[in-house]
PDB file of N, CA and C in Angstrom:
ATOM      1  N   UNK A   1      58.405  25.218  32.627  1.00  0.00           N
ATOM      2  CA  UNK A   1      58.097  25.504  31.243  1.00  0.00           C
ATOM      3  C   UNK A   1      58.694  24.470  30.289  1.00  0.00           C
ATOM      4  N   UNK A   2      59.734  23.779  30.705  1.00  0.00           N
ATOM      5  CA  UNK A   2      60.347  22.782  29.832  1.00  0.00           C
ATOM      6  C   UNK A   2      59.457  21.548  29.710  1.00  0.00           C
ATOM      7  N   UNK A   3      58.558  21.366  30.643  1.00  0.00           N
ATOM      8  CA  UNK A   3      57.696  20.185  30.623  1.00  0.00           C
ATOM      9  C   UNK A   3      56.725  20.239  29.443  1.00  0.00           C
ATOM     10  N   UNK A   4      56.177  21.408  29.163  1.00  0.00           N
ATOM     11  CA  UNK A   4      55.198  21.537  28.082  1.00  0.00           C
ATOM     12  C   UNK A   4      55.770  21.118  26.724  1.00  0.00           C
ATOM     13  N   UNK A   5      56.933  21.639  26.290  1.00  0.00           N
ATOM     14  CA  UNK A   5      57.465  21.183  24.995  1.00  0.00           C
ATOM     15  C   UNK A   5      57.761  19.683  24.975  1.00  0.00           C
ATOM     16  N   UNK A   6      58.241  19.153  26.082  1.00  0.00           N
ATOM     17  CA  UNK A   6      58.521  17.713  26.138  1.00  0.00           C
ATOM     18  C   UNK A   6      57.233  16.906  26.019  1.00  0.00           C
ATOM     19  N   UNK A   7      56.195  17.370  26.704  1.00  0.00           N
ATOM     20  CA  UNK A   7      54.908  16.678  26.663  1.00  0.00           C
ATOM     21  C   UNK A   7      54.336  16.693  25.247  1.00  0.00           C
ATOM     22  N   UNK A   8      54.399  17.848  24.597  1.00  0.00           N
ATOM     23  CA  UNK A   8      53.896  17.961  23.229  1.00  0.00           C
ATOM     24  C   UNK A   8      54.687  17.034  22.308  1.00  0.00           C
ATOM     25  N   UNK A   9      55.992  16.998  22.465  1.00  0.00           N
ATOM     26  CA  UNK A   9      56.829  16.119  21.648  1.00  0.00           C
ATOM     27  C   UNK A   9      56.474  14.656  21.826  1.00  0.00           C
ATOM     28  N   UNK A  10      56.279  14.250  23.068  1.00  0.00           N
ATOM     29  CA  UNK A  10      55.916  12.855  23.351  1.00  0.00           C
ATOM     30  C   UNK A  10      54.564  12.521  22.727  1.00  0.00           C
ATOM     31  N   UNK A  11      53.607  13.439  22.833  1.00  0.00           N
ATOM     32  CA  UNK A  11      52.285  13.199  22.249  1.00  0.00           C
ATOM     33  C   UNK A  11      52.361  13.072  20.729  1.00  0.00           C
ATOM     34  N   UNK A  12      53.159  13.908  20.090  1.00  0.00           N
ATOM     35  CA  UNK A  12      53.300  13.825  18.634  1.00  0.00           C
ATOM     36  C   UNK A  12      53.938  12.507  18.208  1.00  0.00           C
ATOM     37  N   UNK A  13      54.946  12.087  18.936  1.00  0.00           N
ATOM     38  CA  UNK A  13      55.600  10.817  18.625  1.00  0.00           C
ATOM     39  C   UNK A  13      54.633   9.658  18.842  1.00  0.00           C
ATOM     40  N   UNK A  14      53.866   9.726  19.915  1.00  0.00           N
ATOM     41  CA  UNK A  14      52.915   8.651  20.215  1.00  0.00           C
ATOM     42  C   UNK A  14      51.797   8.591  19.180  1.00  0.00           C
ATOM     43  N   UNK A  15      51.417   9.735  18.624  1.00  0.00           N
ATOM     44  CA  UNK A  15      50.316   9.771  17.659  1.00  0.00           C
ATOM     45  C   UNK A  15      50.748   9.332  16.266  1.00  0.00           C
ATOM     46  N   UNK A  16      52.018   9.390  15.945  1.00  0.00           N
ATOM     47  CA  UNK A  16      52.496   9.061  14.603  1.00  0.00           C
ATOM     48  C   UNK A  16      52.099   7.654  14.155  1.00  0.00           C
ATOM     49  N   UNK A  17      52.280   6.612  14.973  1.00  0.00           N
ATOM     50  CA  UNK A  17      51.871   5.277  14.521  1.00  0.00           C
ATOM     51  C   UNK A  17      50.378   5.165  14.272  1.00  0.00           C
ATOM     52  N   UNK A  18      49.575   5.911  15.012  1.00  0.00           N
ATOM     53  CA  UNK A  18      48.127   5.864  14.821  1.00  0.00           C
ATOM     54  C   UNK A  18      47.782   6.375  13.431  1.00  0.00           C
ATOM     55  N   UNK A  19      48.397   7.484  13.027  1.00  0.00           N
ATOM     56  CA  UNK A  19      48.138   8.019  11.697  1.00  0.00           C
ATOM     57  C   UNK A  19      48.585   7.036  10.621  1.00  0.00           C
ATOM     58  N   UNK A  20      49.728   6.422  10.795  1.00  0.00           N
ATOM     59  CA  UNK A  20      50.210   5.445   9.815  1.00  0.00           C
ATOM     60  C   UNK A  20      49.253   4.259   9.745  1.00  0.00           C
ATOM     61  N   UNK A  21      48.800   3.773  10.891  1.00  0.00           N
ATOM     62  CA  UNK A  21      47.867   2.650  10.905  1.00  0.00           C
ATOM     63  C   UNK A  21      46.543   3.026  10.257  1.00  0.00           C
ATOM     64  N   UNK A  22      46.074   4.264  10.487  1.00  0.00           N
ATOM     65  CA  UNK A  22      44.827   4.715   9.871  1.00  0.00           C
ATOM     66  C   UNK A  22      44.981   4.755   8.353  1.00  0.00           C
ATOM     67  N   UNK A  23      46.112   5.269   7.886  1.00  0.00           N
ATOM     68  CA  UNK A  23      46.351   5.319   6.441  1.00  0.00           C
ATOM     69  C   UNK A  23      46.394   3.908   5.854  1.00  0.00           C
ATOM     70  N   UNK A  24      47.049   2.995   6.551  1.00  0.00           N
ATOM     71  CA  UNK A  24      47.101   1.604   6.092  1.00  0.00           C
ATOM     72  C   UNK A  24      45.702   0.997   6.073  1.00  0.00           C
ATOM     73  N   UNK A  25      44.898   1.306   7.088  1.00  0.00           N
ATOM     74  CA  UNK A  25      43.528   0.806   7.150  1.00  0.00           C
ATOM     75  C   UNK A  25      42.701   1.372   5.997  1.00  0.00           C
ATOM     76  N   UNK A  26      42.868   2.664   5.695  1.00  0.00           N
ATOM     77  CA  UNK A  26      42.145   3.269   4.576  1.00  0.00           C
ATOM     78  C   UNK A  26      42.476   2.551   3.271  1.00  0.00           C
ATOM     79  N   UNK A  27      43.757   2.293   3.044  1.00  0.00           N
ATOM     80  CA  UNK A  27      44.182   1.596   1.824  1.00  0.00           C
ATOM     81  C   UNK A  27      43.573   0.195   1.781  1.00  0.00           C
ATOM     82  N   UNK A  28      43.604  -0.510   2.899  1.00  0.00           N
ATOM     83  CA  UNK A  28      43.049  -1.865   2.962  1.00  0.00           C
ATOM     84  C   UNK A  28      41.546  -1.856   2.686  1.00  0.00           C
ATOM     85  N   UNK A  29      40.829  -0.882   3.229  1.00  0.00           N
ATOM     86  CA  UNK A  29      39.383  -0.823   3.028  1.00  0.00           C
ATOM     87  C   UNK A  29      39.042  -0.482   1.579  1.00  0.00           C
ATOM     88  N   UNK A  30      39.795   0.420   0.965  1.00  0.00           N
ATOM     89  CA  UNK A  30      39.544   0.754  -0.443  1.00  0.00           C
ATOM     90  C   UNK A  30      39.841  -0.461  -1.325  1.00  0.00           C
ATOM     91  N   UNK A  31      40.890  -1.206  -1.006  1.00  0.00           N
ATOM     92  CA  UNK A  31      41.188  -2.432  -1.763  1.00  0.00           C
ATOM     93  C   UNK A  31      40.057  -3.449  -1.613  1.00  0.00           C
ATOM     94  N   UNK A  32      39.557  -3.620  -0.384  1.00  0.00           N
ATOM     95  CA  UNK A  32      38.444  -4.536  -0.143  1.00  0.00           C
ATOM     96  C   UNK A  32      37.206  -4.081  -0.914  1.00  0.00           C
ATOM     97  N   UNK A  33      36.935  -2.784  -0.901  1.00  0.00           N
ATOM     98  CA  UNK A  33      35.783  -2.247  -1.627  1.00  0.00           C
ATOM     99  C   UNK A  33      35.928  -2.480  -3.129  1.00  0.00           C
ATOM    100  N   UNK A  34      37.121  -2.298  -3.648  1.00  0.00           N
ATOM    101  CA  UNK A  34      37.359  -2.556  -5.079  1.00  0.00           C
ATOM    102  C   UNK A  34      37.154  -4.023  -5.414  1.00  0.00           C
ATOM    103  N   UNK A  35      37.734  -4.910  -4.606  1.00  0.00           N
ATOM    104  CA  UNK A  35      37.588  -6.357  -4.842  1.00  0.00           C
ATOM    105  C   UNK A  35      36.134  -6.798  -4.776  1.00  0.00           C
ATOM    106  N   UNK A  36      35.368  -6.148  -3.918  1.00  0.00           N
ATOM    107  CA  UNK A  36      33.969  -6.534  -3.700  1.00  0.00           C
ATOM    108  C   UNK A  36      33.013  -5.885  -4.690  1.00  0.00           C
ATOM    109  N   UNK A  37      33.512  -5.007  -5.540  1.00  0.00           N
ATOM    110  CA  UNK A  37      32.674  -4.362  -6.543  1.00  0.00           C
ATOM    111  C   UNK A  37      31.966  -3.102  -6.074  1.00  0.00           C
ATOM    112  N   UNK A  38      32.229  -2.660  -4.862  1.00  0.00           N
ATOM    113  CA  UNK A  38      31.539  -1.492  -4.305  1.00  0.00           C
ATOM    114  C   UNK A  38      31.840  -0.207  -5.077  1.00  0.00           C
ATOM    115  N   UNK A  39      33.090  -0.092  -5.543  1.00  0.00           N
ATOM    116  CA  UNK A  39      33.521   1.146  -6.185  1.00  0.00           C
ATOM    117  C   UNK A  39      32.943   1.308  -7.597  1.00  0.00           C
ATOM    118  N   UNK A  40      32.243   0.297  -8.089  1.00  0.00           N
ATOM    119  CA  UNK A  40      31.585   0.428  -9.385  1.00  0.00           C
ATOM    120  C   UNK A  40      30.472   1.475  -9.321  1.00  0.00           C
ATOM    121  N   UNK A  41      29.877   1.647  -8.139  1.00  0.00           N
ATOM    122  CA  UNK A  41      28.783   2.608  -7.977  1.00  0.00           C
ATOM    123  C   UNK A  41      29.107   3.706  -6.965  1.00  0.00           C
ATOM    124  N   UNK A  42      29.838   3.365  -5.920  1.00  0.00           N
ATOM    125  CA  UNK A  42      30.130   4.302  -4.833  1.00  0.00           C
ATOM    126  C   UNK A  42      31.496   4.949  -5.007  1.00  0.00           C
ATOM    127  N   UNK A  43      31.680   6.073  -4.329  1.00  0.00           N
ATOM    128  CA  UNK A  43      32.980   6.731  -4.227  1.00  0.00           C
ATOM    129  C   UNK A  43      33.161   7.130  -2.771  1.00  0.00           C
ATOM    130  N   UNK A  44      34.384   7.390  -2.378  1.00  0.00           N
ATOM    131  CA  UNK A  44      34.628   7.798  -0.995  1.00  0.00           C
ATOM    132  C   UNK A  44      34.121   9.220  -0.789  1.00  0.00           C
ATOM    133  N   UNK A  45      34.514  10.121  -1.671  1.00  0.00           N
ATOM    134  CA  UNK A  45      34.100  11.525  -1.591  1.00  0.00           C
ATOM    135  C   UNK A  45      33.047  11.806  -2.652  1.00  0.00           C
ATOM    136  N   UNK A  46      32.192  12.808  -2.424  1.00  0.00           N
ATOM    137  CA  UNK A  46      31.199  13.146  -3.442  1.00  0.00           C
ATOM    138  C   UNK A  46      31.885  13.530  -4.757  1.00  0.00           C
ATOM    139  N   UNK A  47      31.415  12.982  -5.870  1.00  0.00           N
ATOM    140  CA  UNK A  47      32.022  13.327  -7.165  1.00  0.00           C
ATOM    141  C   UNK A  47      31.598  14.732  -7.589  1.00  0.00           C
ATOM    142  N   UNK A  48      32.331  15.332  -8.521  1.00  0.00           N
ATOM    143  CA  UNK A  48      31.904  16.640  -9.038  1.00  0.00           C
ATOM    144  C   UNK A  48      30.564  16.501  -9.757  1.00  0.00           C
ATOM    145  N   UNK A  49      29.851  17.600  -9.845  1.00  0.00           N
ATOM    146  CA  UNK A  49      28.549  17.591 -10.523  1.00  0.00           C
ATOM    147  C   UNK A  49      28.734  17.146 -11.978  1.00  0.00           C
ATOM    148  N   UNK A  50      27.865  16.250 -12.402  1.00  0.00           N
ATOM    149  CA  UNK A  50      27.933  15.736 -13.770  1.00  0.00           C
ATOM    150  C   UNK A  50      27.451  16.790 -14.757  1.00  0.00           C
ATOM    151  N   UNK A  51      28.008  16.788 -15.954  1.00  0.00           N
ATOM    152  CA  UNK A  51      27.633  17.753 -16.989  1.00  0.00           C
ATOM    153  C   UNK A  51      26.176  17.589 -17.406  1.00  0.00           C
ATOM    154  N   UNK A  52      25.664  16.352 -17.340  1.00  0.00           N
ATOM    155  CA  UNK A  52      24.277  16.114 -17.747  1.00  0.00           C
ATOM    156  C   UNK A  52      23.274  16.422 -16.636  1.00  0.00           C
ATOM    157  N   UNK A  53      23.769  16.806 -15.461  1.00  0.00           N
ATOM    158  CA  UNK A  53      22.896  17.176 -14.353  1.00  0.00           C
ATOM    159  C   UNK A  53      22.348  16.014 -13.550  1.00  0.00           C
ATOM    160  N   UNK A  54      22.617  14.794 -13.979  1.00  0.00           N
ATOM    161  CA  UNK A  54      22.115  13.627 -13.257  1.00  0.00           C
ATOM    162  C   UNK A  54      22.939  13.385 -11.990  1.00  0.00           C
ATOM    163  N   UNK A  55      22.291  12.849 -10.953  1.00  0.00           N
ATOM    164  CA  UNK A  55      23.048  12.540  -9.728  1.00  0.00           C
ATOM    165  C   UNK A  55      23.920  11.304  -9.943  1.00  0.00           C
ATOM    166  N   UNK A  56      24.882  11.073  -9.063  1.00  0.00           N
ATOM    167  CA  UNK A  56      25.701   9.858  -9.179  1.00  0.00           C
ATOM    168  C   UNK A  56      24.830   8.615  -8.998  1.00  0.00           C
ATOM    169  N   UNK A  57      25.341   7.471  -9.427  1.00  0.00           N
ATOM    170  CA  UNK A  57      24.593   6.213  -9.330  1.00  0.00           C
ATOM    171  C   UNK A  57      24.262   5.889  -7.880  1.00  0.00           C
ATOM    172  N   UNK A  58      25.228   6.070  -6.994  1.00  0.00           N
ATOM    173  CA  UNK A  58      25.060   5.730  -5.576  1.00  0.00           C
ATOM    174  C   UNK A  58      25.658   6.845  -4.723  1.00  0.00           C
ATOM    175  N   UNK A  59      25.235   6.937  -3.468  1.00  0.00           N
ATOM    176  CA  UNK A  59      25.784   7.997  -2.614  1.00  0.00           C
ATOM    177  C   UNK A  59      27.264   7.771  -2.309  1.00  0.00           C
ATOM    178  N   UNK A  60      27.980   8.877  -2.180  1.00  0.00           N
ATOM    179  CA  UNK A  60      29.379   8.807  -1.744  1.00  0.00           C
ATOM    180  C   UNK A  60      29.395   8.391  -0.280  1.00  0.00           C
ATOM    181  N   UNK A  61      30.436   7.680   0.110  1.00  0.00           N
ATOM    182  CA  UNK A  61      30.487   7.177   1.482  1.00  0.00           C
ATOM    183  C   UNK A  61      30.613   8.286   2.511  1.00  0.00           C
ATOM    184  N   UNK A  62      31.227   9.409   2.158  1.00  0.00           N
ATOM    185  CA  UNK A  62      31.274  10.527   3.102  1.00  0.00           C
ATOM    186  C   UNK A  62      29.852  11.012   3.379  1.00  0.00           C
ATOM    187  N   UNK A  63      28.991  11.036   2.353  1.00  0.00           N
ATOM    188  CA  UNK A  63      27.593  11.432   2.543  1.00  0.00           C
ATOM    189  C   UNK A  63      26.848  10.422   3.415  1.00  0.00           C
ATOM    190  N   UNK A  64      27.143   9.147   3.235  1.00  0.00           N
ATOM    191  CA  UNK A  64      26.536   8.105   4.074  1.00  0.00           C
ATOM    192  C   UNK A  64      26.942   8.324   5.529  1.00  0.00           C
ATOM    193  N   UNK A  65      28.222   8.589   5.750  1.00  0.00           N
ATOM    194  CA  UNK A  65      28.714   8.820   7.113  1.00  0.00           C
ATOM    195  C   UNK A  65      28.023  10.024   7.745  1.00  0.00           C
ATOM    196  N   UNK A  66      27.846  11.087   6.982  1.00  0.00           N
ATOM    197  CA  UNK A  66      27.169  12.281   7.509  1.00  0.00           C
ATOM    198  C   UNK A  66      25.705  11.989   7.835  1.00  0.00           C
ATOM    199  N   UNK A  67      25.037  11.266   6.956  1.00  0.00           N
ATOM    200  CA  UNK A  67      23.614  10.970   7.161  1.00  0.00           C
ATOM    201  C   UNK A  67      23.376  10.112   8.403  1.00  0.00           C
ATOM    202  N   UNK A  68      24.261   9.166   8.664  1.00  0.00           N
ATOM    203  CA  UNK A  68      24.038   8.195   9.739  1.00  0.00           C
ATOM    204  C   UNK A  68      24.902   8.426  10.976  1.00  0.00           C
ATOM    205  N   UNK A  69      25.576   9.566  11.073  1.00  0.00           N
ATOM    206  CA  UNK A  69      26.534   9.760  12.172  1.00  0.00           C
ATOM    207  C   UNK A  69      25.914   9.710  13.558  1.00  0.00           C
ATOM    208  N   UNK A  70      24.659  10.052  13.703  1.00  0.00           N
ATOM    209  CA  UNK A  70      24.015  10.032  15.022  1.00  0.00           C
ATOM    210  C   UNK A  70      23.060   8.852  15.185  1.00  0.00           C
ATOM    211  N   UNK A  71      23.148   7.884  14.309  1.00  0.00           N
ATOM    212  CA  UNK A  71      22.242   6.738  14.312  1.00  0.00           C
ATOM    213  C   UNK A  71      22.953   5.526  14.915  1.00  0.00           C
ATOM    214  N   UNK A  72      22.584   5.169  16.127  1.00  0.00           N
ATOM    215  CA  UNK A  72      23.245   4.066  16.843  1.00  0.00           C
ATOM    216  C   UNK A  72      23.068   2.720  16.141  1.00  0.00           C
ATOM    217  N   UNK A  73      22.002   2.544  15.396  1.00  0.00           N
ATOM    218  CA  UNK A  73      21.753   1.274  14.722  1.00  0.00           C
ATOM    219  C   UNK A  73      22.245   1.225  13.283  1.00  0.00           C
ATOM    220  N   UNK A  74      22.967   2.249  12.858  1.00  0.00           N
ATOM    221  CA  UNK A  74      23.379   2.346  11.454  1.00  0.00           C
ATOM    222  C   UNK A  74      24.272   1.196  11.017  1.00  0.00           C
ATOM    223  N   UNK A  75      25.213   0.806  11.845  1.00  0.00           N
ATOM    224  CA  UNK A  75      26.152  -0.249  11.449  1.00  0.00           C
ATOM    225  C   UNK A  75      25.417  -1.542  11.104  1.00  0.00           C
ATOM    226  N   UNK A  76      24.529  -1.945  11.976  1.00  0.00           N
ATOM    227  CA  UNK A  76      23.782  -3.190  11.745  1.00  0.00           C
ATOM    228  C   UNK A  76      22.879  -3.068  10.518  1.00  0.00           C
ATOM    229  N   UNK A  77      22.147  -1.966  10.416  1.00  0.00           N
ATOM    230  CA  UNK A  77      21.201  -1.776   9.322  1.00  0.00           C
ATOM    231  C   UNK A  77      21.924  -1.682   7.966  1.00  0.00           C
ATOM    232  N   UNK A  78      23.028  -0.935   7.917  1.00  0.00           N
ATOM    233  CA  UNK A  78      23.749  -0.783   6.656  1.00  0.00           C
ATOM    234  C   UNK A  78      24.471  -2.072   6.252  1.00  0.00           C
ATOM    235  N   UNK A  79      24.958  -2.826   7.232  1.00  0.00           N
ATOM    236  CA  UNK A  79      25.565  -4.125   6.914  1.00  0.00           C
ATOM    237  C   UNK A  79      24.511  -5.038   6.295  1.00  0.00           C
ATOM    238  N   UNK A  80      23.309  -5.026   6.850  1.00  0.00           N
ATOM    239  CA  UNK A  80      22.217  -5.832   6.297  1.00  0.00           C
ATOM    240  C   UNK A  80      21.890  -5.373   4.869  1.00  0.00           C
ATOM    241  N   UNK A  81      21.905  -4.056   4.637  1.00  0.00           N
ATOM    242  CA  UNK A  81      21.634  -3.533   3.296  1.00  0.00           C
ATOM    243  C   UNK A  81      22.698  -3.987   2.303  1.00  0.00           C
ATOM    244  N   UNK A  82      23.961  -3.969   2.727  1.00  0.00           N
ATOM    245  CA  UNK A  82      25.037  -4.446   1.848  1.00  0.00           C
ATOM    246  C   UNK A  82      24.797  -5.907   1.478  1.00  0.00           C
ATOM    247  N   UNK A  83      24.413  -6.704   2.449  1.00  0.00           N
ATOM    248  CA  UNK A  83      24.254  -8.139   2.211  1.00  0.00           C
ATOM    249  C   UNK A  83      22.996  -8.472   1.409  1.00  0.00           C
ATOM    250  N   UNK A  84      21.879  -7.809   1.705  1.00  0.00           N
ATOM    251  CA  UNK A  84      20.599  -8.183   1.094  1.00  0.00           C
ATOM    252  C   UNK A  84      20.100  -7.212   0.033  1.00  0.00           C
ATOM    253  N   UNK A  85      20.745  -6.057  -0.110  1.00  0.00           N
ATOM    254  CA  UNK A  85      20.313  -5.051  -1.074  1.00  0.00           C
ATOM    255  C   UNK A  85      19.380  -4.042  -0.434  1.00  0.00           C
ATOM    256  N   UNK A  86      19.132  -2.964  -1.165  1.00  0.00           N
ATOM    257  CA  UNK A  86      18.262  -1.919  -0.620  1.00  0.00           C
ATOM    258  C   UNK A  86      16.830  -2.114  -1.101  1.00  0.00           C
ATOM    259  N   UNK A  87      15.920  -1.555  -0.360  1.00  0.00           N
ATOM    260  CA  UNK A  87      14.491  -1.629  -0.664  1.00  0.00           C
ATOM    261  C   UNK A  87      14.195  -0.731  -1.868  1.00  0.00           C
ATOM    262  N   UNK A  88      13.651  -1.289  -2.948  1.00  0.00           N
ATOM    263  CA  UNK A  88      13.374  -0.464  -4.123  1.00  0.00           C
ATOM    264  C   UNK A  88      12.358   0.646  -3.851  1.00  0.00           C
ATOM    265  N   UNK A  89      11.548   0.504  -2.820  1.00  0.00           N
ATOM    266  CA  UNK A  89      10.555   1.524  -2.487  1.00  0.00           C
ATOM    267  C   UNK A  89      11.135   2.657  -1.636  1.00  0.00           C
ATOM    268  N   UNK A  90      12.264   2.417  -1.002  1.00  0.00           N
ATOM    269  CA  UNK A  90      12.877   3.431  -0.133  1.00  0.00           C
ATOM    270  C   UNK A  90      13.662   4.412  -0.999  1.00  0.00           C
ATOM    271  N   UNK A  91      13.279   5.647  -0.957  1.00  0.00           N
ATOM    272  CA  UNK A  91      13.951   6.663  -1.772  1.00  0.00           C
ATOM    273  C   UNK A  91      14.630   7.683  -0.866  1.00  0.00           C
ATOM    274  N   UNK A  92      15.396   7.198   0.101  1.00  0.00           N
ATOM    275  CA  UNK A  92      16.029   8.101   1.057  1.00  0.00           C
ATOM    276  C   UNK A  92      17.219   8.859   0.478  1.00  0.00           C
ATOM    277  N   UNK A  93      17.632   8.565  -0.745  1.00  0.00           N
ATOM    278  CA  UNK A  93      18.698   9.324  -1.411  1.00  0.00           C
ATOM    279  C   UNK A  93      18.150  10.053  -2.635  1.00  0.00           C
ATOM    280  N   UNK A  94      16.834  10.243  -2.707  1.00  0.00           N
ATOM    281  CA  UNK A  94      16.201  10.885  -3.862  1.00  0.00           C
ATOM    282  C   UNK A  94      16.856  12.234  -4.161  1.00  0.00           C
ATOM    283  N   UNK A  95      17.230  12.420  -5.419  1.00  0.00           N
ATOM    284  CA  UNK A  95      17.848  13.663  -5.856  1.00  0.00           C
ATOM    285  C   UNK A  95      19.348  13.732  -5.605  1.00  0.00           C
ATOM    286  N   UNK A  96      19.850  12.865  -4.734  1.00  0.00           N
ATOM    287  CA  UNK A  96      21.288  12.882  -4.430  1.00  0.00           C
ATOM    288  C   UNK A  96      21.993  11.643  -4.963  1.00  0.00           C
ATOM    289  N   UNK A  97      21.222  10.664  -5.390  1.00  0.00           N
ATOM    290  CA  UNK A  97      21.772   9.450  -6.006  1.00  0.00           C
ATOM    291  C   UNK A  97      20.739   8.928  -6.990  1.00  0.00           C
ATOM    292  N   UNK A  98      21.192   8.166  -7.960  1.00  0.00           N
ATOM    293  CA  UNK A  98      20.301   7.638  -8.979  1.00  0.00           C
ATOM    294  C   UNK A  98      19.199   6.765  -8.408  1.00  0.00           C
ATOM    295  N   UNK A  99      18.251   6.430  -9.257  1.00  0.00           N
ATOM    296  CA  UNK A  99      17.089   5.653  -8.827  1.00  0.00           C
ATOM    297  C   UNK A  99      17.364   4.153  -8.790  1.00  0.00           C
ATOM    298  N   UNK A 100      18.595   3.748  -9.045  1.00  0.00           N
ATOM    299  CA  UNK A 100      18.952   2.333  -9.029  1.00  0.00           C
ATOM    300  C   UNK A 100      19.054   1.858  -7.583  1.00  0.00           C
ATOM    301  N   UNK A 101      18.460   0.710  -7.289  1.00  0.00           N
ATOM    302  CA  UNK A 101      18.581   0.165  -5.933  1.00  0.00           C
ATOM    303  C   UNK A 101      19.861  -0.657  -5.827  1.00  0.00           C
ATOM    304  N   UNK A 102      20.368  -0.764  -4.620  1.00  0.00           N
ATOM    305  CA  UNK A 102      21.586  -1.536  -4.397  1.00  0.00           C
ATOM    306  C   UNK A 102      21.239  -3.021  -4.421  1.00  0.00           C
ATOM    307  N   UNK A 103      21.925  -3.794  -5.264  1.00  0.00           N
ATOM    308  CA  UNK A 103      21.637  -5.229  -5.320  1.00  0.00           C
ATOM    309  C   UNK A 103      22.228  -5.957  -4.114  1.00  0.00           C
ATOM    310  N   UNK A 104      21.758  -7.164  -3.835  1.00  0.00           N
ATOM    311  CA  UNK A 104      22.371  -7.957  -2.767  1.00  0.00           C
ATOM    312  C   UNK A 104      23.835  -8.250  -3.109  1.00  0.00           C
ATOM    313  N   UNK A 105      24.689  -8.213  -2.106  1.00  0.00           N
ATOM    314  CA  UNK A 105      26.117  -8.424  -2.332  1.00  0.00           C
ATOM    315  C   UNK A 105      26.677  -9.607  -1.561  1.00  0.00           C
ATOM    316  N   UNK A 106      25.807 -10.488  -1.076  1.00  0.00           N
ATOM    317  CA  UNK A 106      26.257 -11.615  -0.253  1.00  0.00           C
ATOM    318  C   UNK A 106      27.223 -12.530  -1.002  1.00  0.00           C
ATOM    319  N   UNK A 107      27.141 -12.566  -2.323  1.00  0.00           N
ATOM    320  CA  UNK A 107      28.061 -13.413  -3.087  1.00  0.00           C
ATOM    321  C   UNK A 107      29.398 -12.732  -3.321  1.00  0.00           C
ATOM    322  N   UNK A 108      29.422 -11.400  -3.281  1.00  0.00           N
ATOM    323  CA  UNK A 108      30.654 -10.653  -3.554  1.00  0.00           C
ATOM    324  C   UNK A 108      31.474 -10.383  -2.303  1.00  0.00           C
ATOM    325  N   UNK A 109      30.802 -10.300  -1.157  1.00  0.00           N
ATOM    326  CA  UNK A 109      31.492  -9.952   0.090  1.00  0.00           C
ATOM    327  C   UNK A 109      30.850 -10.722   1.243  1.00  0.00           C
ATOM    328  N   UNK A 110      31.674 -11.227   2.138  1.00  0.00           N
ATOM    329  CA  UNK A 110      31.155 -11.907   3.321  1.00  0.00           C
ATOM    330  C   UNK A 110      30.642 -10.898   4.340  1.00  0.00           C
ATOM    331  N   UNK A 111      29.817 -11.367   5.253  1.00  0.00           N
ATOM    332  CA  UNK A 111      29.228 -10.460   6.238  1.00  0.00           C
ATOM    333  C   UNK A 111      30.285  -9.780   7.103  1.00  0.00           C
ATOM    334  N   UNK A 112      31.324 -10.494   7.494  1.00  0.00           N
ATOM    335  CA  UNK A 112      32.373  -9.889   8.330  1.00  0.00           C
ATOM    336  C   UNK A 112      33.073  -8.758   7.580  1.00  0.00           C
ATOM    337  N   UNK A 113      33.383  -8.963   6.296  1.00  0.00           N
ATOM    338  CA  UNK A 113      34.013  -7.905   5.509  1.00  0.00           C
ATOM    339  C   UNK A 113      33.046  -6.754   5.258  1.00  0.00           C
ATOM    340  N   UNK A 114      31.776  -7.066   5.036  1.00  0.00           N
ATOM    341  CA  UNK A 114      30.775  -6.012   4.853  1.00  0.00           C
ATOM    342  C   UNK A 114      30.693  -5.143   6.102  1.00  0.00           C
ATOM    343  N   UNK A 115      30.717  -5.769   7.264  1.00  0.00           N
ATOM    344  CA  UNK A 115      30.664  -5.020   8.524  1.00  0.00           C
ATOM    345  C   UNK A 115      31.914  -4.142   8.682  1.00  0.00           C
ATOM    346  N   UNK A 116      33.080  -4.678   8.320  1.00  0.00           N
ATOM    347  CA  UNK A 116      34.313  -3.877   8.370  1.00  0.00           C
ATOM    348  C   UNK A 116      34.189  -2.644   7.481  1.00  0.00           C
ATOM    349  N   UNK A 117      33.714  -2.844   6.259  1.00  0.00           N
ATOM    350  CA  UNK A 117      33.542  -1.720   5.335  1.00  0.00           C
ATOM    351  C   UNK A 117      32.551  -0.697   5.870  1.00  0.00           C
ATOM    352  N   UNK A 118      31.415  -1.161   6.341  1.00  0.00           N
ATOM    353  CA  UNK A 118      30.393  -0.248   6.867  1.00  0.00           C
ATOM    354  C   UNK A 118      30.936   0.544   8.047  1.00  0.00           C
ATOM    355  N   UNK A 119      31.604  -0.114   8.967  1.00  0.00           N
ATOM    356  CA  UNK A 119      32.141   0.593  10.131  1.00  0.00           C
ATOM    357  C   UNK A 119      33.216   1.593   9.728  1.00  0.00           C
ATOM    358  N   UNK A 120      33.998   1.276   8.712  1.00  0.00           N
ATOM    359  CA  UNK A 120      34.990   2.223   8.195  1.00  0.00           C
ATOM    360  C   UNK A 120      34.285   3.415   7.552  1.00  0.00           C
ATOM    361  N   UNK A 121      33.253   3.147   6.759  1.00  0.00           N
ATOM    362  CA  UNK A 121      32.500   4.219   6.102  1.00  0.00           C
ATOM    363  C   UNK A 121      31.901   5.171   7.135  1.00  0.00           C
ATOM    364  N   UNK A 122      31.369   4.618   8.210  1.00  0.00           N
ATOM    365  CA  UNK A 122      30.687   5.451   9.208  1.00  0.00           C
ATOM    366  C   UNK A 122      31.619   6.399   9.959  1.00  0.00           C
ATOM    367  N   UNK A 123      32.920   6.208   9.869  1.00  0.00           N
ATOM    368  CA  UNK A 123      33.844   7.146  10.534  1.00  0.00           C
ATOM    369  C   UNK A 123      34.493   8.102   9.537  1.00  0.00           C
ATOM    370  N   UNK A 124      33.978   8.182   8.328  1.00  0.00           N
ATOM    371  CA  UNK A 124      34.522   9.092   7.321  1.00  0.00           C
ATOM    372  C   UNK A 124      34.018  10.519   7.467  1.00  0.00           C
ATOM    373  N   UNK A 125      33.293  10.806   8.516  1.00  0.00           N
ATOM    374  CA  UNK A 125      32.762  12.153   8.737  1.00  0.00           C
ATOM    375  C   UNK A 125      33.923  13.109   8.981  1.00  0.00           C
ATOM    376  N   UNK A 126      33.939  14.233   8.271  1.00  0.00           N
ATOM    377  CA  UNK A 126      35.043  15.200   8.442  1.00  0.00           C
ATOM    378  C   UNK A 126      35.058  15.844   9.816  1.00  0.00           C
TER     379      UNK A 126
END
């Protein structure tokens, strides 16, 4: 019976650095998103309902993660969208985000950083 408490203790100690690293990664990704201008339209969590009833300008990243969680090609496709912008004819966020299309961001963020952000966003599923 003494083995179980020891095992649990070891697992908790081993997991502590992972949580710290995840928190550091979250801070780094939010800083990168701010520097790249992403936070001008997006938020990590869905914002509260607006008083005027209009949807937010862009989808919250948690909503993006939920929408694409079972899509194996999401990382590549969303990275391309970040770099080249979204299709003005595609209304896949109709009613949940404004009618503004995402502009190309190749000048604001490099492809490697865009991929890092997208991959971080895709694991924000609760």
